Protein backbone atom coordinates (compact mmCIF):
# COMPACT_ATOMS: atom_id res chain seq x y z
CA MET A 1 234.71 112.26 112.93
CA ASP A 2 236.43 111.43 109.67
CA LEU A 3 238.50 114.31 108.37
CA PRO A 4 237.52 115.63 104.93
CA VAL A 5 239.61 114.56 101.98
CA VAL A 6 242.09 116.77 100.57
CA ARG A 7 241.37 117.64 97.14
CA PRO A 8 244.03 118.78 94.42
CA ALA A 9 243.06 122.18 92.98
CA SER A 10 244.51 125.04 90.71
CA THR A 11 244.02 128.72 90.71
CA VAL A 12 245.31 131.19 88.07
CA LEU A 13 245.84 134.99 88.61
CA PRO A 14 245.14 136.67 85.16
CA LEU A 15 247.20 139.86 84.84
CA ARG A 16 247.00 143.02 82.82
CA ASP A 17 248.74 146.27 82.43
CA ASP A 18 247.64 147.92 79.31
CA GLY A 19 250.50 150.53 79.71
CA GLY A 20 249.51 151.40 83.22
CA PRO A 21 249.85 149.92 86.74
CA TYR A 22 249.19 146.39 86.60
CA GLU A 23 246.01 144.67 87.65
CA VAL A 24 244.68 141.07 88.65
CA LEU A 25 241.25 139.70 88.12
CA MET A 26 239.21 138.71 90.78
CA LEU A 27 235.68 137.30 91.18
CA ARG A 28 233.32 137.37 94.11
CA ARG A 29 231.67 134.18 95.07
CA SER A 30 228.10 133.97 95.27
CA PRO A 31 226.54 134.84 98.80
CA ARG A 32 224.51 131.80 98.29
CA SER A 33 227.69 129.53 97.94
CA GLU A 34 228.33 126.64 99.96
CA PHE A 35 232.07 127.71 100.63
CA VAL A 36 233.79 131.06 100.65
CA ALA A 37 230.42 132.73 100.24
CA GLY A 38 230.82 136.45 99.19
CA VAL A 39 234.50 136.21 99.23
CA TYR A 40 236.91 137.57 96.56
CA VAL A 41 239.08 134.84 95.02
CA PHE A 42 241.13 134.09 91.81
CA PRO A 43 239.47 131.93 89.15
CA GLY A 44 240.01 128.36 90.19
CA GLY A 45 238.71 124.96 91.49
CA ALA A 46 239.33 121.27 91.93
CA LEU A 47 241.05 119.17 89.37
CA ASP A 48 238.42 116.94 87.58
CA ASP A 49 238.76 113.31 86.28
CA ALA A 50 238.33 114.64 82.86
CA ASP A 51 241.45 116.95 83.05
CA GLU A 52 243.63 113.87 82.22
CA ALA A 53 242.21 113.63 78.83
CA VAL A 54 242.87 117.15 78.08
CA VAL A 55 246.80 116.75 78.46
CA GLU A 56 247.49 115.97 74.74
CA ARG A 57 246.01 119.47 73.87
CA VAL A 58 248.09 121.50 76.04
CA VAL A 59 251.11 123.25 74.47
CA GLY A 60 254.21 125.37 75.88
CA TRP A 61 254.24 123.81 79.36
CA ASP A 62 257.79 123.18 80.75
CA ALA A 63 257.01 120.07 82.96
CA SER A 64 260.57 119.40 83.85
CA ARG A 65 260.92 123.08 84.97
CA ALA A 66 257.82 122.87 87.13
CA ALA A 67 258.94 119.48 88.64
CA ARG A 68 262.05 121.09 89.96
CA GLN A 69 259.98 124.09 91.35
CA GLY A 70 258.02 121.26 93.30
CA LEU A 71 254.98 120.69 91.03
CA ASP A 72 254.48 116.92 91.25
CA ASP A 73 254.74 114.72 88.08
CA GLY A 74 255.24 118.17 86.27
CA GLY A 75 251.73 119.48 86.85
CA VAL A 76 250.12 119.16 83.51
CA ALA A 77 246.80 117.97 85.02
CA HIS A 78 247.22 121.28 87.30
CA VAL A 79 247.74 123.26 84.31
CA VAL A 80 244.69 121.81 82.56
CA ALA A 81 242.42 122.51 85.73
CA GLY A 82 243.58 126.12 86.13
CA LEU A 83 243.03 126.97 82.44
CA ARG A 84 239.67 125.19 82.31
CA GLU A 85 238.56 127.02 85.46
CA LEU A 86 239.80 130.33 84.19
CA PHE A 87 237.47 129.73 81.13
CA GLU A 88 234.57 128.49 82.99
CA GLU A 89 234.60 131.19 85.87
CA ALA A 90 235.99 134.05 84.10
CA GLY A 91 235.35 133.44 80.32
CA LEU A 92 239.02 133.98 79.46
CA LEU A 93 240.26 130.98 77.21
CA VAL A 94 244.32 131.02 77.07
CA ALA A 95 244.49 128.93 73.80
CA ARG A 96 246.18 128.73 70.62
CA ASP A 97 244.89 127.29 67.19
CA ALA A 98 246.38 124.66 65.18
CA ALA A 99 248.65 126.84 63.42
CA GLY A 100 250.22 128.29 66.73
CA ARG A 101 248.54 131.53 66.68
CA ALA A 102 247.22 133.10 69.86
CA LEU A 103 243.49 132.90 70.16
CA VAL A 104 241.70 136.18 69.46
CA PRO A 105 238.15 135.32 68.98
CA ASP A 106 236.13 137.16 66.16
CA ALA A 107 232.27 137.54 66.82
CA ALA A 108 231.34 134.11 65.46
CA LEU A 109 233.96 132.33 67.60
CA GLY A 110 233.12 134.54 70.35
CA SER A 111 229.51 133.57 70.33
CA ARG A 112 230.39 129.72 69.91
CA LEU A 113 232.75 130.01 72.90
CA ALA A 114 230.08 131.52 74.94
CA GLU A 115 227.85 128.47 74.35
CA HIS A 116 230.85 126.08 74.99
CA ARG A 117 231.40 127.89 78.39
CA ALA A 118 227.65 127.47 79.37
CA ARG A 119 227.67 123.74 78.41
CA LEU A 120 230.90 123.28 80.37
CA ASN A 121 229.27 125.01 83.43
CA ASP A 122 226.15 122.73 83.11
CA GLY A 123 228.29 119.69 82.60
CA SER A 124 227.04 118.85 79.21
CA THR A 125 230.43 119.00 77.68
CA THR A 126 233.97 118.55 78.48
CA MET A 127 237.14 120.85 77.97
CA ARG A 128 238.51 118.22 75.47
CA GLU A 129 235.16 118.23 73.59
CA VAL A 130 235.42 122.09 73.50
CA LEU A 131 239.09 122.23 72.25
CA GLU A 132 238.40 119.45 69.52
CA ALA A 133 235.24 121.32 68.40
CA GLU A 134 237.32 124.40 67.70
CA ASP A 135 240.63 122.67 66.84
CA LEU A 136 242.24 124.58 69.83
CA TYR A 137 245.00 123.79 72.27
CA LEU A 138 245.52 125.22 75.63
CA ASP A 139 248.51 127.52 75.70
CA ALA A 140 250.47 127.12 78.96
CA SER A 141 253.75 128.73 77.38
CA GLY A 142 252.89 132.01 79.72
CA LEU A 143 251.47 130.38 82.65
CA VAL A 144 254.05 130.31 85.67
CA TYR A 145 253.69 128.42 88.94
CA LEU A 146 253.54 130.91 91.72
CA ALA A 147 252.33 129.45 95.22
CA HIS A 148 251.24 126.24 96.88
CA TRP A 149 248.52 126.40 99.92
CA VAL A 150 246.54 123.79 101.59
CA THR A 151 243.51 124.33 103.44
CA PRO A 152 243.98 123.81 107.20
CA VAL A 153 242.37 121.43 109.25
CA GLY A 154 238.99 122.50 110.55
CA PRO A 155 236.68 123.66 107.59
CA PRO A 156 234.41 120.91 106.34
CA ARG A 157 236.31 121.20 102.92
CA ARG A 158 240.05 121.19 102.28
CA TYR A 159 242.10 121.70 99.00
CA ASP A 160 245.64 121.20 98.08
CA THR A 161 246.03 124.21 95.81
CA ARG A 162 248.70 125.24 93.17
CA PHE A 163 248.74 128.97 92.27
CA PHE A 164 249.60 130.14 88.82
CA CYS A 165 249.76 133.54 87.24
CA VAL A 166 249.40 134.31 83.47
CA ARG A 167 249.17 137.42 81.10
CA ALA A 168 245.51 137.79 80.55
CA PRO A 169 244.57 136.97 76.67
CA SER A 170 243.97 140.00 74.50
CA GLY A 171 240.64 140.55 72.61
CA GLN A 172 238.64 138.66 75.35
CA ARG A 173 236.39 140.15 78.09
CA ALA A 174 236.34 138.66 81.48
CA ALA A 175 232.93 138.17 83.06
CA SER A 176 231.71 136.13 86.13
CA ASP A 177 229.49 132.96 85.50
CA GLU A 178 226.58 134.53 87.37
CA ALA A 179 226.39 131.15 89.10
CA GLU A 180 229.52 130.18 91.41
CA THR A 181 230.58 133.95 90.90
CA VAL A 182 228.47 136.96 90.72
CA ALA A 183 230.83 139.93 90.02
CA GLU A 184 234.19 140.46 88.49
CA CYS A 185 236.72 143.16 88.93
CA TRP A 186 240.25 144.00 87.75
CA VAL A 187 242.01 145.33 90.60
CA ARG A 188 245.59 146.59 91.76
CA PRO A 189 246.91 144.19 94.18
CA LEU A 190 247.78 147.29 96.41
CA ASP A 191 244.01 148.69 96.19
CA ALA A 192 242.64 145.03 96.88
CA LEU A 193 244.76 144.71 99.99
CA ALA A 194 243.93 148.27 101.15
CA ALA A 195 240.18 147.40 100.73
CA TYR A 196 240.61 144.33 102.72
CA ASP A 197 242.51 146.14 105.59
CA GLU A 198 239.39 148.42 105.64
CA GLY A 199 236.96 145.64 105.73
CA ARG A 200 235.49 146.36 102.29
CA PHE A 201 237.06 143.52 100.45
CA ASP A 202 236.61 139.92 102.08
CA MET A 203 239.31 137.45 101.22
CA VAL A 204 240.99 134.47 103.07
CA LEU A 205 244.50 134.17 103.80
CA PRO A 206 245.99 132.38 100.92
CA THR A 207 244.53 135.24 98.44
CA VAL A 208 245.95 138.00 100.88
CA SER A 209 249.23 136.35 101.16
CA THR A 210 249.65 135.72 97.43
CA LEU A 211 248.55 139.39 96.80
CA ARG A 212 251.20 140.53 99.28
CA SER A 213 253.95 138.64 97.77
CA ILE A 214 253.56 140.46 94.25
CA ALA A 215 251.87 143.85 95.25
CA ALA A 216 255.07 145.79 95.25
CA LEU A 217 256.02 144.74 91.59
CA PRO A 218 255.19 147.14 88.96
CA THR A 219 254.25 145.27 85.78
CA VAL A 220 252.77 142.03 84.56
CA GLU A 221 256.29 140.97 83.20
CA ALA A 222 257.89 141.72 86.73
CA VAL A 223 255.30 139.50 88.45
CA LEU A 224 256.01 136.55 85.73
CA ASP A 225 259.77 137.14 86.28
CA TYR A 226 259.43 137.00 89.99
CA ALA A 227 257.56 133.65 89.73
CA ARG A 228 260.07 132.35 87.22
CA GLY A 229 262.60 132.92 89.65
CA ILE A 230 261.30 130.96 92.57
CA GLU A 231 263.67 127.84 92.66
CA ARG A 232 261.21 125.82 94.59
CA VAL A 233 257.60 126.92 95.59
CA GLU A 234 257.01 125.94 99.16
CA ARG A 235 253.99 124.15 100.71
CA VAL A 236 252.10 126.26 102.95
CA GLU A 237 249.47 124.74 105.37
CA PRO A 238 248.16 127.15 107.72
CA ARG A 239 246.58 126.01 110.91
CA VAL A 240 243.69 127.25 113.02
CA VAL A 241 244.81 128.16 116.74
CA GLU A 242 243.17 129.73 119.66
CA ARG A 243 244.90 132.90 120.79
CA ASP A 244 243.77 135.35 123.48
CA GLY A 245 240.23 133.58 123.48
CA ALA A 246 239.84 134.03 119.50
CA LEU A 247 240.25 131.49 116.86
CA ILE A 248 242.99 132.56 114.09
CA VAL A 249 244.52 131.22 110.99
CA GLU A 250 248.10 131.34 111.00
CA ALA A 251 250.74 130.21 108.28
CA PRO A 252 254.22 129.05 109.97
CA GLY A 253 257.07 130.17 108.08
CA VAL A 254 255.16 132.79 106.17
CA GLY A 255 254.35 135.30 109.16
CA ALA A 256 250.79 135.73 108.11
CA THR A 257 247.72 135.54 110.27
CA MET A 258 244.09 136.36 110.16
CA ALA A 259 240.87 135.83 112.17
CA VAL A 260 239.07 132.82 111.12
CA PRO A 261 236.67 134.25 108.39
CA GLU A 262 232.91 133.52 108.33
CA ALA A 263 233.51 131.87 104.94
CA TRP A 264 235.65 129.28 106.49
CA ARG A 265 233.09 128.36 109.04
CA ARG A 266 230.72 127.60 106.19
CA GLY A 267 233.46 125.62 104.26
CA THR A 268 236.14 126.75 102.13
CA GLY A 269 237.76 126.36 98.78
CA PRO A 270 241.03 126.95 96.82
CA ALA A 271 240.97 130.83 97.02
């Protein structure tokens, strides 16, 4: 049997603190999804061929620094994919206008962006067309490379996923797309992990491990500083092994394990 192709993908952790403990945005995959059904994930997905055409409308990305951290070729296509998926799946557009001002949509622009998002999700437009129509640029100045996970051999879908974190844009409301994702929640990492431990919050290993890496940090800026301080982001490829008669997923070098989730038996994605 041929092994599935490992597809490059990007995931973004949107963060906010608003004067209190910081929270991360998580989305619940549709129970009818072909992969990671019902699981809580960060917004993300596979790179698209059209993402390369958006590179010239990205501002603020330090490709040379990203390359030193281990992001191949500076990772601009991964940046585009991550920010595109953040808009498609969660409705948050991290962008600047032609004058360099951070995007804070008024009612009219907000309505147009909702229409653009719907057309992106049904495939009738592209991210480049959206940005050109509104004369906007994806703003990667606050995006920071955080982690790199590869789906283990075994599930019918495999992804090579780069994880980024960013402060959520102000003046915008996150909402699931009601197709691939059916619910959204802002949650403290410690609370998400506690709910996972209690069996109330289904996640897969990369999501759990990423949350654990930042859960003790007090603010959004502390998380971003932590990510900026990583000299080189290590590639982690878990493996599925049998232990005491049960299949588990373990991540060598990370010290993380979990039982093979039911979602991985039905396929998996870049969560």
